[in-house]
């Protein structure tokens, strides 16, 4: 199915909203394994990421802009000195927005090497990690980052709930973990339903972090899905 979607859309550089939605949905189907998701992203980015950036442009997908702005609100000063990890970075939408807002020390993490190749060409990241975020330890020391941010990294076959522990581990005490995602996945995605927010609460109860804010964002994606943005301050 994913190959059929790509073949039908590859020649286009001016996708209709329905075509863009279909392209995005092909990577978020229930039951997809993370390998299937990564393979899809590698294929969709194989031409340099143009198709991906067309179907997820800021008019259709507001997540990266919203995530970057909320991170900027948390760090009103000395943004140039803050070390930030963009998780599930894709082609670098969030990094681009952060860079515009004055953040210059940006690293990125994504399991798709083709997505990272596209992100690299934007010249906003100084280091990259091609790996999954899950229960395994990342090749990153404790308390490394001032902030870890992810927009769009939560979906079917994407970041599992266990990845929260790694985000908290690699962020300094007093630093920020920002997660922007479609609100519907809290209820509809098997990985997150009755699991994601309970784990977030357990981590707060155990003193790992504190909830700074939880905001519902209308028209987060494709003018039909609301989003939710979580901010946690690491303890």
Protein backbone atom coordinates (compact mmCIF):
# COMPACT_ATOMS: atom_id res chain seq x y z
CA UNK A 1 0.00 0.00 0.00
CA UNK A 2 2.73 2.47 0.90
CA UNK A 3 4.54 1.87 -2.39
CA UNK A 4 1.29 2.47 -4.27
CA UNK A 5 0.84 5.76 -2.44
CA UNK A 6 4.35 6.90 -3.27
CA UNK A 7 4.06 5.92 -6.92
CA UNK A 8 0.83 7.86 -7.26
CA UNK A 9 2.22 11.01 -5.63
CA UNK A 10 5.88 11.10 -6.61
CA UNK A 11 5.41 13.07 -9.86
CA UNK A 12 3.44 15.81 -8.09
CA UNK A 13 4.86 18.91 -6.48
CA UNK A 14 1.47 20.54 -5.83
CA UNK A 15 -0.49 18.00 -3.88
CA UNK A 16 -4.15 18.45 -3.10
CA UNK A 17 -5.07 18.40 0.56
CA UNK A 18 -6.59 14.94 0.12
CA UNK A 19 -3.40 13.62 -1.51
CA UNK A 20 -1.30 15.13 1.27
CA UNK A 21 -3.49 13.56 3.91
CA UNK A 22 -3.25 10.17 2.17
CA UNK A 23 0.55 10.39 2.02
CA UNK A 24 0.79 11.17 5.72
CA UNK A 25 -1.74 8.50 6.69
CA UNK A 26 0.32 5.85 4.89
CA UNK A 27 2.99 6.17 7.61
CA UNK A 28 0.51 6.06 10.48
CA UNK A 29 -1.64 3.01 9.81
CA UNK A 30 -2.56 0.90 12.85
CA UNK A 31 -0.49 -2.26 13.09
CA UNK A 32 2.58 -0.92 11.30
CA UNK A 33 5.89 -2.04 12.74
CA UNK A 34 8.60 0.51 13.34
CA UNK A 35 10.63 -1.04 10.51
CA UNK A 36 7.71 -0.55 8.12
CA UNK A 37 7.39 3.05 9.26
CA UNK A 38 11.11 3.69 8.85
CA UNK A 39 11.14 2.06 5.41
CA UNK A 40 8.30 4.32 4.35
CA UNK A 41 10.11 7.42 5.52
CA UNK A 42 13.30 6.33 3.77
CA UNK A 43 11.35 5.92 0.54
CA UNK A 44 9.46 9.18 0.84
CA UNK A 45 12.73 11.04 1.51
CA UNK A 46 14.69 9.27 -1.23
CA UNK A 47 14.30 12.22 -3.60
CA UNK A 48 15.61 14.70 -1.05
CA UNK A 49 12.52 15.11 1.10
CA UNK A 50 10.57 17.34 -1.31
CA UNK A 51 7.46 15.16 -1.29
CA UNK A 52 7.48 14.91 2.52
CA UNK A 53 7.85 18.66 2.88
CA UNK A 54 5.05 19.24 0.40
CA UNK A 55 2.49 17.07 2.15
CA UNK A 56 3.48 18.32 5.61
CA UNK A 57 3.98 21.99 4.82
CA UNK A 58 3.14 24.49 7.60
CA UNK A 59 -0.30 25.20 6.16
CA UNK A 60 -1.23 21.54 6.60
CA UNK A 61 0.78 20.59 9.67
CA UNK A 62 1.29 23.23 12.35
CA UNK A 63 3.07 21.01 14.86
CA UNK A 64 6.67 22.12 14.22
CA UNK A 65 5.82 25.82 14.39
CA UNK A 66 3.78 25.33 17.55
CA UNK A 67 6.46 23.19 19.22
CA UNK A 68 9.24 25.64 18.40
CA UNK A 69 7.29 28.63 19.65
CA UNK A 70 6.40 26.95 22.91
CA UNK A 71 10.04 25.99 23.46
CA UNK A 72 10.99 29.61 22.78
CA UNK A 73 8.48 30.78 25.38
CA UNK A 74 10.18 28.57 27.96
CA UNK A 75 13.60 29.99 27.05
CA UNK A 76 13.06 33.75 26.58
CA UNK A 77 16.77 34.55 27.00
CA UNK A 78 20.15 33.16 25.92
CA UNK A 79 18.60 30.91 23.31
CA UNK A 80 21.87 30.72 21.39
CA UNK A 81 23.48 28.84 24.29
CA UNK A 82 20.75 26.22 24.83
CA UNK A 83 21.55 22.72 23.59
CA UNK A 84 18.44 21.13 22.11
CA UNK A 85 17.69 17.67 20.74
CA UNK A 86 15.03 17.44 18.02
CA UNK A 87 13.57 13.93 18.39
CA UNK A 88 11.98 12.22 15.38
CA UNK A 89 13.35 15.17 13.46
CA UNK A 90 12.39 14.04 9.98
CA UNK A 91 13.63 16.54 7.42
CA UNK A 92 14.17 19.20 10.07
CA UNK A 93 10.94 21.18 10.29
CA UNK A 94 11.31 21.83 14.03
CA UNK A 95 15.00 22.61 13.73
CA UNK A 96 14.34 25.21 11.07
CA UNK A 97 11.77 26.94 13.25
CA UNK A 98 14.01 26.83 16.33
CA UNK A 99 16.90 28.27 14.35
CA UNK A 100 14.74 31.19 13.22
CA UNK A 101 13.93 31.86 16.87
CA UNK A 102 17.57 32.12 17.90
CA UNK A 103 18.48 28.57 18.91
CA UNK A 104 21.81 27.67 17.31
CA UNK A 105 22.97 24.55 19.19
CA UNK A 106 20.69 21.95 17.68
CA UNK A 107 21.09 18.18 17.44
CA UNK A 108 18.67 15.80 15.73
CA UNK A 109 17.61 12.19 16.14
CA UNK A 110 15.69 10.04 13.68
CA UNK A 111 15.81 6.35 12.66
CA UNK A 112 15.47 7.18 8.95
CA UNK A 113 18.87 7.84 7.39
CA UNK A 114 17.24 9.35 4.32
CA UNK A 115 15.30 11.82 6.45
CA UNK A 116 18.52 12.79 8.21
CA UNK A 117 20.21 13.34 4.86
CA UNK A 118 17.47 15.81 3.96
CA UNK A 119 17.71 17.48 7.37
CA UNK A 120 21.47 17.81 7.03
CA UNK A 121 21.11 19.98 3.93
CA UNK A 122 19.32 22.63 5.96
CA UNK A 123 22.50 23.39 7.90
CA UNK A 124 20.77 23.97 11.23
CA UNK A 125 21.96 20.86 13.10
CA UNK A 126 25.48 20.36 14.41
CA UNK A 127 25.11 16.67 15.33
CA UNK A 128 22.80 13.83 14.36
CA UNK A 129 21.82 10.43 15.73
CA UNK A 130 20.35 7.77 13.44
CA UNK A 131 18.56 5.57 15.95
CA UNK A 132 15.22 4.78 17.54
CA UNK A 133 13.92 6.28 20.74
CA UNK A 134 12.56 3.40 22.81
CA UNK A 135 13.45 1.53 26.03
CA UNK A 136 17.09 1.11 24.96
CA UNK A 137 19.72 3.55 26.16
CA UNK A 138 20.55 6.24 23.63
CA UNK A 139 24.22 6.97 22.85
CA UNK A 140 23.87 10.17 24.87
CA UNK A 141 25.11 10.95 28.39
CA UNK A 142 22.81 11.80 31.26
CA UNK A 143 21.86 15.47 31.69
CA UNK A 144 23.17 16.51 28.27
CA UNK A 145 20.43 18.74 26.87
CA UNK A 146 18.61 21.83 27.97
CA UNK A 147 15.62 20.62 26.01
CA UNK A 148 14.35 17.60 24.07
CA UNK A 149 11.49 18.37 21.70
CA UNK A 150 9.41 16.15 19.45
CA UNK A 151 6.67 17.11 17.04
CA UNK A 152 4.97 14.30 15.16
CA UNK A 153 7.05 11.58 16.76
CA UNK A 154 4.04 9.99 18.43
CA UNK A 155 1.81 7.89 16.20
CA UNK A 156 1.12 4.29 15.23
CA UNK A 157 4.45 2.49 14.89
CA UNK A 158 6.38 5.52 16.10
CA UNK A 159 7.87 6.35 19.53
CA UNK A 160 6.77 3.86 22.23
CA UNK A 161 5.79 5.12 25.66
CA UNK A 162 9.01 3.72 27.18
CA UNK A 163 10.92 6.39 25.28
CA UNK A 164 9.79 8.94 27.86
CA UNK A 165 12.34 7.61 30.33
CA UNK A 166 15.18 8.28 27.91
CA UNK A 167 13.97 11.81 27.21
CA UNK A 168 13.98 12.58 30.93
CA UNK A 169 17.41 10.98 31.38
CA UNK A 170 19.20 13.02 28.72
CA UNK A 171 17.72 16.40 29.74
CA UNK A 172 19.36 18.40 32.52
CA UNK A 173 17.51 19.10 35.77
CA UNK A 174 15.46 22.22 35.17
CA UNK A 175 15.41 21.51 31.46
CA UNK A 176 12.39 20.98 29.24
CA UNK A 177 10.82 17.98 27.52
CA UNK A 178 8.28 19.12 24.91
CA UNK A 179 6.02 16.64 23.10
CA UNK A 180 3.57 17.80 20.42
CA UNK A 181 1.21 15.21 18.96
CA UNK A 182 -2.30 14.69 17.66
CA UNK A 183 -4.71 14.64 20.57
CA UNK A 184 -6.66 11.73 19.05
CA UNK A 185 -3.72 9.37 19.56
CA UNK A 186 -4.22 9.56 23.32
CA UNK A 187 -7.48 7.69 22.77
CA UNK A 188 -7.15 5.89 19.42
CA UNK A 189 -3.56 4.60 19.22
CA UNK A 190 -3.01 1.30 21.02
CA UNK A 191 0.49 2.34 22.11
CA UNK A 192 -0.77 5.45 23.90
CA UNK A 193 -4.37 4.75 24.95
CA UNK A 194 -4.48 4.42 28.76
CA UNK A 195 -0.68 4.21 28.74
CA UNK A 196 0.99 7.47 27.75
CA UNK A 197 -0.57 9.91 30.19
CA UNK A 198 -0.59 7.40 33.06
CA UNK A 199 3.16 6.91 32.56
CA UNK A 200 3.66 10.67 32.41
CA UNK A 201 1.83 10.94 35.73
CA UNK A 202 3.84 8.09 37.27
CA UNK A 203 7.07 9.83 36.28
CA UNK A 204 5.84 12.99 37.98
CA UNK A 205 4.89 11.08 41.12
CA UNK A 206 8.33 9.45 41.22
CA UNK A 207 10.05 12.83 41.01
CA UNK A 208 11.42 12.42 37.49
CA UNK A 209 9.76 15.55 36.15
CA UNK A 210 6.94 18.00 36.76
CA UNK A 211 4.14 18.86 34.36
CA UNK A 212 4.61 22.48 33.31
CA UNK A 213 1.68 22.65 30.90
CA UNK A 214 -0.71 20.56 28.83
CA UNK A 215 -2.42 22.48 26.04
CA UNK A 216 -4.95 21.44 23.42
CA UNK A 217 -4.23 23.11 20.07
CA UNK A 218 -7.06 23.38 17.51
CA UNK A 219 -6.38 22.66 13.83
CA UNK A 220 -3.06 21.03 14.58
CA UNK A 221 -2.97 18.90 11.42
CA UNK A 222 -4.80 18.99 8.09
CA UNK A 223 -7.43 21.39 9.48
CA UNK A 224 -9.22 18.41 10.98
CA UNK A 225 -7.17 17.18 13.95
CA UNK A 226 -6.52 18.95 17.22
CA UNK A 227 -3.15 18.61 18.87
CA UNK A 228 -1.88 18.38 22.41
CA UNK A 229 1.41 19.86 23.59
CA UNK A 230 3.02 18.60 26.79
CA UNK A 231 5.75 20.48 28.65
CA UNK A 232 7.62 18.72 31.44
CA UNK A 233 10.39 20.24 33.54
CA UNK A 234 12.95 17.62 34.51
CA UNK A 235 13.76 17.31 38.22
